[in-house]
Amino acid sequence: MKKHIYILLFFSLGVIMYSFGQDRKTFKVKDILRYCDNQLKRTLGELKDSSFMPRSMNSGQKKWSLVGIHDWTSGFWPGILWYDYEYFRNDRIKEKAIQYTEYLQPLVNPNQKVDHDIGFQIFCSYGNAYRLTGDEKYKKIILEAAAKLSELYNPVVGTILSWPNMVQKMGWPHNTIIDNMMNLEILFWASKNGGDKRYYDMAVSHAMVTKKNAFRENGSCFHVAVYDTISGKFIKGVTNQGYSDGSMWARGQAWAIYGYTMVYRETLDKQFLRFAEKVANIYLDRLPEDYIPYWDFDLPSIQDEPKDASAAAIASSALLELAQLEDNKEMAERYRSAAIVMLNNLSSKKYQSRNANNSFLKHCTGNHPSKYEIDASIIYADYYYIEALTRYNFTCNALRPYMRSSK
């Protein structure tokens, strides 16, 4: 298996290194990472010494709205600090990364109710902490988090339950949101690093069942797939954050690109590579001129709608990795080039927050139907932005692929 991985990576790296040479004069990743470093230091200067984490700022808002550790976004801020430390090796930033990471430890306590977002919460924080320090105490927390996530796996359906509260509220017996593709990474990692080997099978099953049911023929995804808990059969696809049940919600499609790219990385099963291409291609084919999508691709009067820079940040990070993993030179070039356009435009005056506030990016959309975090700065946009910049920097300048998870 390792031999095949190395062959794939060397082939992909050759393609990517040739292409990256074309960007280096115009895309100054070091300057952009320095900008992120300056912005997060401003945030650190405003945060009080507590476990509350930055989540979002509405347009015109100068300071972050903070959330507790149980919010689904709580892992992104420590993850950002770890990425910043990875590049600048600033011991003060490392101390803060450790501090905010360890605030999240109660999430894995046995008496703590399991949350399907524990992958976001723990792997973005503790996952990066362990990757950069090798400290076994972080590994232990990751394994405990994976065990908790596995409790939501339904073997009849073959996926992880996302929203238990929606079972009664909306009549969705077993519901699985496309966002949950991201949480599979902690299961894959745990299965290969001392956790239960069944986690791998759970993750593959989730990806397979989601692939079969949560997507339309053209490769666009539903936000929520609803299943019968007795038969395990797919009932319907609906939305909670998109424009309609039949529309392509921008961030959901970005989660899908990222998720299936990661599943291919972990399994090397070509059906997942081909599917990642399918879900990426429809996203790219329908982007506006600046490659930053509106919050949904199927809005009736789209030019009047808010953009979602968070979807672009997620997609750019995913596409950089997909380009590395590609077995087709032309497809690799398409994905790499698209990611660079996205990062260039996200790094422009139009989308960077700069002096408007302390975040990295603006013009994000959290939940438009529920009317919150519209045209806002949002912490997960910043996380995937700095992750994408880190991935670009490693592939371009360090002459090696950036892979986050499994050993």
Foldseek 3Di string as FASTA:
>chain_A
DVVVLVVLLVVLLVLVQVLLVVCCVPDPLVVLLVLLVVLVVVLVVPDDLDLWDFFWFAFLGAHGDTDHLPPLQQQLSLLSLLLSCVPPVDVVSVVVSVSNLVSNLVCLDPVHQAALSLLNSLCSRLLSVCVVPVDVVSVVSLQSNLVSQCVQAQPLQLAGAHDPVCCPVVVQVGKDFLLSLSSLQSLLQNCQPPHVVCSLVSNVSRVVSCLVFQADPQLAGAGMWGADSPNSHTDAGFHDFEPTSPWRFLLSLLSLLQSLLSNCSSVVPVVSLVSSLRSLVVLVVQAPPQLFAFRISDDPPRVPGFTALLSLLSNLQSLLSSLSSDPDSVSSSVSPVSSVSSLVSCQDPVFQCVNSYSAGGFRRADGVVVPPQGRMGGSSSRSSSSSSSSQSCCSHPVSGGDDRGHD
